[in-house]
Protein backbone atom coordinates (compact mmCIF):
# COMPACT_ATOMS: atom_id res chain seq x y z
CA MET A 1 267.23 -25.03 163.62
CA SER A 2 264.32 -27.38 162.90
CA ARG A 3 260.87 -27.08 164.43
CA VAL A 4 261.52 -30.06 166.70
CA GLN A 5 264.76 -28.53 167.98
CA LYS A 6 263.01 -25.24 168.63
CA SER A 7 260.31 -27.06 170.57
CA VAL A 8 262.90 -28.90 172.69
CA ALA A 9 264.84 -25.69 173.32
CA LEU A 10 261.68 -23.87 174.34
CA ARG A 11 260.77 -26.72 176.68
CA TRP A 12 264.18 -26.59 178.36
CA LEU A 13 264.02 -22.80 178.60
CA CYS A 14 260.62 -22.95 180.29
CA THR A 15 261.84 -25.67 182.65
CA LEU A 16 264.89 -23.64 183.66
CA ALA A 17 262.74 -20.54 184.18
CA ALA A 18 260.38 -22.55 186.40
CA LEU A 19 263.30 -23.92 188.43
CA ALA A 20 264.77 -20.42 188.81
CA ALA A 21 261.43 -19.09 190.02
CA LEU A 22 261.16 -21.99 192.47
CA VAL A 23 264.63 -21.28 193.86
CA ILE A 24 263.89 -17.56 194.20
CA VAL A 25 260.68 -18.32 196.12
CA LEU A 26 261.90 -21.18 198.31
CA PHE A 27 265.41 -20.04 199.20
CA PRO A 28 264.24 -17.35 201.66
CA VAL A 29 261.99 -19.96 203.31
CA TYR A 30 264.91 -22.40 203.53
CA ALA A 31 267.17 -19.68 204.94
CA VAL A 32 264.58 -18.82 207.62
CA ILE A 33 264.23 -22.48 208.65
CA VAL A 34 268.00 -22.95 208.89
CA GLY A 35 268.42 -19.68 210.78
CA SER A 36 265.71 -20.63 213.27
CA PHE A 37 268.00 -23.35 214.67
CA GLU A 38 270.98 -21.02 215.09
CA SER A 39 271.88 -18.41 217.64
CA THR A 40 272.18 -14.72 216.83
CA GLU A 41 275.95 -14.97 217.26
CA THR A 42 276.16 -17.73 214.63
CA LEU A 43 273.93 -15.81 212.24
CA PHE A 44 276.28 -12.82 212.41
CA SER A 45 279.53 -14.78 212.47
CA GLY A 46 280.25 -13.82 208.84
CA THR A 47 279.86 -17.37 207.54
CA TYR A 48 276.70 -18.70 205.94
CA TYR A 49 275.89 -22.30 206.83
CA TRP A 50 273.69 -24.28 204.47
CA LEU A 51 272.80 -26.57 207.35
CA PRO A 52 272.27 -25.53 210.98
CA HIS A 53 275.62 -24.99 212.70
CA ALA A 54 275.58 -25.78 216.42
CA ALA A 55 271.83 -26.33 216.17
CA THR A 56 269.72 -25.31 219.15
CA LEU A 57 266.02 -25.36 220.02
CA ASP A 58 266.29 -22.39 222.38
CA ASN A 59 264.72 -20.09 219.78
CA TYR A 60 261.63 -22.28 219.47
CA ARG A 61 261.33 -22.59 223.25
CA THR A 62 261.37 -18.81 223.50
CA VAL A 63 258.78 -18.42 220.76
CA ILE A 64 256.41 -21.10 222.07
CA GLN A 65 256.46 -19.58 225.55
CA ALA A 66 255.92 -16.02 224.33
CA GLN A 67 253.91 -16.32 221.11
CA SER A 68 251.26 -18.99 221.75
CA GLY A 69 248.65 -16.28 222.33
CA SER A 70 249.75 -14.49 219.18
CA VAL A 71 249.12 -17.61 217.10
CA LEU A 72 245.58 -17.84 218.49
CA THR A 73 245.03 -14.16 217.71
CA SER A 74 246.20 -14.60 214.13
CA LEU A 75 243.92 -17.62 213.72
CA ILE A 76 240.93 -15.58 214.90
CA VAL A 77 241.80 -12.71 212.58
CA GLY A 78 242.47 -15.01 209.61
CA LEU A 79 239.25 -16.99 210.04
CA GLY A 80 237.28 -13.80 210.62
CA THR A 81 238.70 -12.26 207.44
CA ALA A 82 237.84 -15.39 205.46
CA ALA A 83 234.28 -15.40 206.84
CA LEU A 84 233.82 -11.70 206.07
CA ALA A 85 235.12 -12.18 202.53
CA LEU A 86 232.74 -15.07 201.84
CA VAL A 87 229.68 -13.43 203.36
CA VAL A 88 230.18 -10.27 201.31
CA ALA A 89 231.85 -11.53 198.14
CA VAL A 90 229.75 -14.56 197.18
CA PRO A 91 226.39 -12.76 196.80
CA ALA A 92 228.05 -9.58 195.52
CA ALA A 93 229.98 -11.43 192.81
CA TYR A 94 226.84 -13.32 191.76
CA ALA A 95 224.87 -10.10 191.48
CA LEU A 96 227.60 -8.36 189.47
CA SER A 97 227.85 -11.28 187.04
CA LYS A 98 224.21 -12.25 186.51
CA TYR A 99 222.20 -9.06 187.00
CA ARG A 100 222.33 -6.05 184.71
CA LEU A 101 223.12 -3.20 187.06
CA ARG A 102 223.85 0.34 185.93
CA VAL A 103 226.64 0.67 188.47
CA THR A 104 228.42 -2.58 187.54
CA VAL A 105 231.25 -0.87 185.66
CA ILE A 106 231.78 1.63 188.46
CA LEU A 107 231.78 -1.08 191.14
CA VAL A 108 234.18 -3.35 189.28
CA SER A 109 236.52 -0.44 188.53
CA SER A 110 236.44 0.54 192.20
CA LEU A 111 237.31 -3.02 193.22
CA LEU A 112 240.29 -3.01 190.86
CA ILE A 113 241.48 0.31 192.27
CA CYS A 114 241.23 -1.10 195.80
CA GLN A 115 243.74 -3.77 194.82
CA ILE A 116 246.43 -1.26 193.83
CA VAL A 117 246.05 1.31 196.63
CA PRO A 118 249.03 0.97 199.03
CA SER A 119 248.03 -0.60 202.31
CA ILE A 120 249.62 2.20 204.34
CA VAL A 121 247.24 4.67 202.69
CA LEU A 122 244.21 2.58 203.62
CA ALA A 123 245.56 1.92 207.11
CA THR A 124 245.97 5.63 207.82
CA SER A 125 242.48 6.54 206.67
CA LEU A 126 240.91 3.52 208.39
CA PHE A 127 242.57 4.42 211.69
CA ILE A 128 240.77 7.76 211.68
CA VAL A 129 237.42 6.12 210.90
CA PHE A 130 237.94 3.31 213.41
CA HIS A 131 238.91 5.78 216.12
CA TRP A 132 235.61 7.56 215.58
CA ALA A 133 233.69 4.24 215.54
CA HIS A 134 235.55 2.85 218.59
CA LEU A 135 236.98 -0.06 216.59
CA VAL A 136 240.65 0.63 217.33
CA ASN A 137 242.38 -2.12 219.33
CA SER A 138 239.65 -4.66 218.58
CA TYR A 139 239.23 -7.86 216.61
CA PRO A 140 236.34 -6.50 214.47
CA GLY A 141 238.41 -3.47 213.51
CA LEU A 142 241.38 -5.54 212.38
CA ILE A 143 239.18 -8.05 210.54
CA ILE A 144 237.37 -5.25 208.66
CA ALA A 145 240.71 -3.62 207.84
CA ASP A 146 242.09 -6.88 206.41
CA GLY A 147 238.85 -7.29 204.50
CA THR A 148 239.55 -4.12 202.50
CA TYR A 149 241.93 -6.24 200.41
CA ALA A 150 240.38 -9.68 200.81
CA VAL A 151 236.82 -8.75 199.82
CA PRO A 152 237.62 -6.99 196.49
CA PHE A 153 239.93 -9.84 195.47
CA ALA A 154 237.27 -12.41 196.36
CA ILE A 155 234.58 -10.58 194.39
CA LEU A 156 236.75 -10.34 191.27
CA VAL A 157 237.69 -14.04 191.35
CA LEU A 158 234.15 -15.24 192.06
CA ARG A 159 232.63 -12.91 189.47
CA ALA A 160 234.86 -14.44 186.79
CA PHE A 161 233.69 -17.89 187.83
CA PHE A 162 230.00 -16.99 187.92
CA PHE A 163 230.32 -15.62 184.38
CA SER A 164 231.29 -19.14 183.24
CA LEU A 165 228.09 -20.68 184.64
CA PRO A 166 225.46 -21.01 181.90
CA ASN A 167 222.28 -19.07 182.60
CA GLU A 168 220.28 -22.10 181.47
CA LEU A 169 221.03 -23.78 184.81
CA MET A 170 219.37 -20.98 186.76
CA HIS A 171 216.48 -20.79 184.31
CA ALA A 172 215.88 -24.55 184.60
CA ALA A 173 215.84 -24.33 188.38
CA ARG A 174 213.32 -21.51 188.27
CA VAL A 175 211.11 -23.53 185.91
CA ASP A 176 211.23 -26.42 188.38
CA GLY A 177 209.84 -24.11 191.05
CA ALA A 178 213.00 -23.06 192.89
CA SER A 179 213.12 -19.52 194.20
CA GLU A 180 216.00 -17.15 193.51
CA TRP A 181 217.48 -17.88 196.92
CA GLN A 182 217.10 -21.66 196.52
CA THR A 183 218.76 -21.52 193.11
CA PHE A 184 221.66 -19.55 194.52
CA ARG A 185 222.08 -21.76 197.61
CA ARG A 186 221.52 -25.21 196.11
CA ILE A 187 222.93 -24.83 192.60
CA VAL A 188 225.23 -21.83 192.27
CA VAL A 189 227.18 -22.12 195.53
CA PRO A 190 227.88 -25.90 195.23
CA LEU A 191 229.11 -25.41 191.65
CA ALA A 192 231.39 -22.59 192.84
CA ARG A 193 233.00 -24.71 195.57
CA SER A 194 236.53 -24.54 194.13
CA ALA A 195 236.38 -20.77 193.65
CA VAL A 196 234.86 -20.27 197.11
CA ILE A 197 237.59 -22.34 198.77
CA THR A 198 240.22 -20.43 196.81
CA VAL A 199 239.07 -17.00 197.95
CA ALA A 200 238.60 -18.29 201.51
CA VAL A 201 242.20 -19.53 201.64
CA PHE A 202 243.62 -16.29 200.23
CA ALA A 203 241.45 -14.22 202.59
CA PHE A 204 242.71 -16.28 205.53
CA LEU A 205 246.31 -15.82 204.45
CA ASN A 206 245.69 -12.10 204.05
CA GLY A 207 244.49 -11.85 207.64
CA TRP A 208 247.11 -14.25 208.97
CA GLY A 209 250.08 -12.47 207.42
CA ASP A 210 248.95 -8.86 207.76
CA PHE A 211 251.37 -6.44 209.41
CA ILE A 212 250.54 -2.89 208.31
CA PHE A 213 246.89 -2.94 209.41
CA ALA A 214 247.76 -4.74 212.63
CA LEU A 215 250.47 -2.22 213.48
CA THR A 216 248.10 0.68 212.78
CA VAL A 217 244.76 -0.55 214.15
CA LEU A 218 246.21 -2.31 217.22
CA ASN A 219 248.13 0.68 218.48
CA GLY A 220 249.27 -0.26 221.99
CA SER A 221 246.71 -3.05 222.25
CA THR A 222 246.99 -6.30 224.18
CA ILE A 223 245.84 -8.06 220.98
CA VAL A 224 249.06 -9.15 219.30
CA PRO A 225 249.00 -11.29 216.11
CA ILE A 226 252.01 -13.36 215.12
CA THR A 227 253.30 -10.69 212.73
CA LEU A 228 253.53 -8.14 215.52
CA GLY A 229 254.95 -10.84 217.75
CA ILE A 230 257.88 -11.15 215.35
CA TYR A 231 258.27 -7.37 215.39
CA THR A 232 258.72 -7.37 219.18
CA TYR A 233 262.09 -9.09 218.82
CA LEU A 234 263.41 -6.21 216.69
CA GLY A 235 264.87 -3.58 219.00
CA ASN A 236 266.61 -0.25 218.47
CA TYR A 237 269.87 -1.41 220.00
CA SER A 238 269.70 -5.21 219.83
CA THR A 239 267.72 -7.79 217.89
CA ASP A 240 267.20 -11.45 218.73
CA TRP A 241 267.50 -12.71 215.17
CA GLY A 242 267.30 -16.34 216.23
CA ALA A 243 263.89 -15.72 217.79
CA VAL A 244 262.85 -13.71 214.71
CA MET A 245 263.72 -16.64 212.45
CA ALA A 246 261.95 -19.14 214.73
CA SER A 247 258.83 -16.95 214.88
CA ALA A 248 258.80 -16.63 211.09
CA ALA A 249 259.18 -20.40 210.66
CA PHE A 250 256.48 -20.98 213.27
CA ALA A 251 254.16 -18.58 211.44
CA MET A 252 254.61 -20.40 208.13
CA VAL A 253 253.30 -23.73 209.42
CA PRO A 254 249.51 -23.08 209.43
CA ALA A 255 249.66 -21.22 206.12
CA GLY A 256 251.73 -23.98 204.53
CA VAL A 257 249.41 -26.73 205.79
CA MET A 258 246.35 -24.88 204.48
CA LEU A 259 247.91 -24.37 201.05
CA VAL A 260 248.90 -28.04 200.79
CA VAL A 261 245.44 -29.27 201.80
CA ALA A 262 243.59 -26.87 199.49
CA GLN A 263 246.03 -26.78 196.57
CA ARG A 264 243.81 -28.69 194.12
CA TYR A 265 240.89 -26.37 194.84
CA ILE A 266 243.13 -23.32 194.46
CA ALA A 267 244.48 -24.49 191.10
CA SER A 268 241.00 -24.98 189.69
CA GLY A 269 239.54 -21.95 191.44
CA LEU A 270 242.06 -19.48 190.05
CA THR A 271 241.56 -20.72 186.50
CA ALA A 272 237.78 -20.90 186.81
CA GLY A 273 236.06 -18.49 184.48
CA SER A 274 239.10 -18.03 182.24
CA VAL A 275 237.32 -19.97 179.50
CA LYS A 276 233.58 -19.90 179.18
CA GLY A 277 232.25 -23.22 177.97
């Protein structure tokens, strides 16, 4: 096989792998959307329909009437998680990338460990701490809990980007009379816009789609995010699967819109810092 043939074969192989990955990711979403227009009886009839069979909007009527408050709750939690991640991660990542601190290795290693600890482990320990601090069944408690994943991820992404910024920019600003804070606010943060938007979007999605922390921290609370709203349709003896599908489809809309709007920032933000130039 010639080099050209190998190149063509590799291109086709990569294309097929990308299509397979796309199908694996999107098919569950498609199945949820189709199922949201069907009744529970149709869903369990033993026949899978690629298009809605005997389509109905009853599931969406049920969800809109019952889950409108849950959507607002999830928006508050998602925006609060994004704000917490930015307030903590932006200055922390800058300090870990530009200042020589003796604890840098320990802090970065701790952040990496935070990303691999199972959420149920963190949720259990946080519940004990939040119970002592009177943060159980509250928005601040849930936002802080979601931040235990969002903040470390944001710091690691932003730190990689700040490493790619040449130190000469900061030195030039200091020579021109700018203070450390002015340099950070007027030069560093605007240059890091793509990375900042990226971590904000992922932090929002982390708070929007959280279930484990919400189930643990909001034990018996009147605060019900959309993820727990979906869980209410799952009973011990009967489950309204049509409403479950409609709730899941309803919950995907804000997240999907945000990803579409911010996709160009996310693409550049995730690759920022991979090559220092």
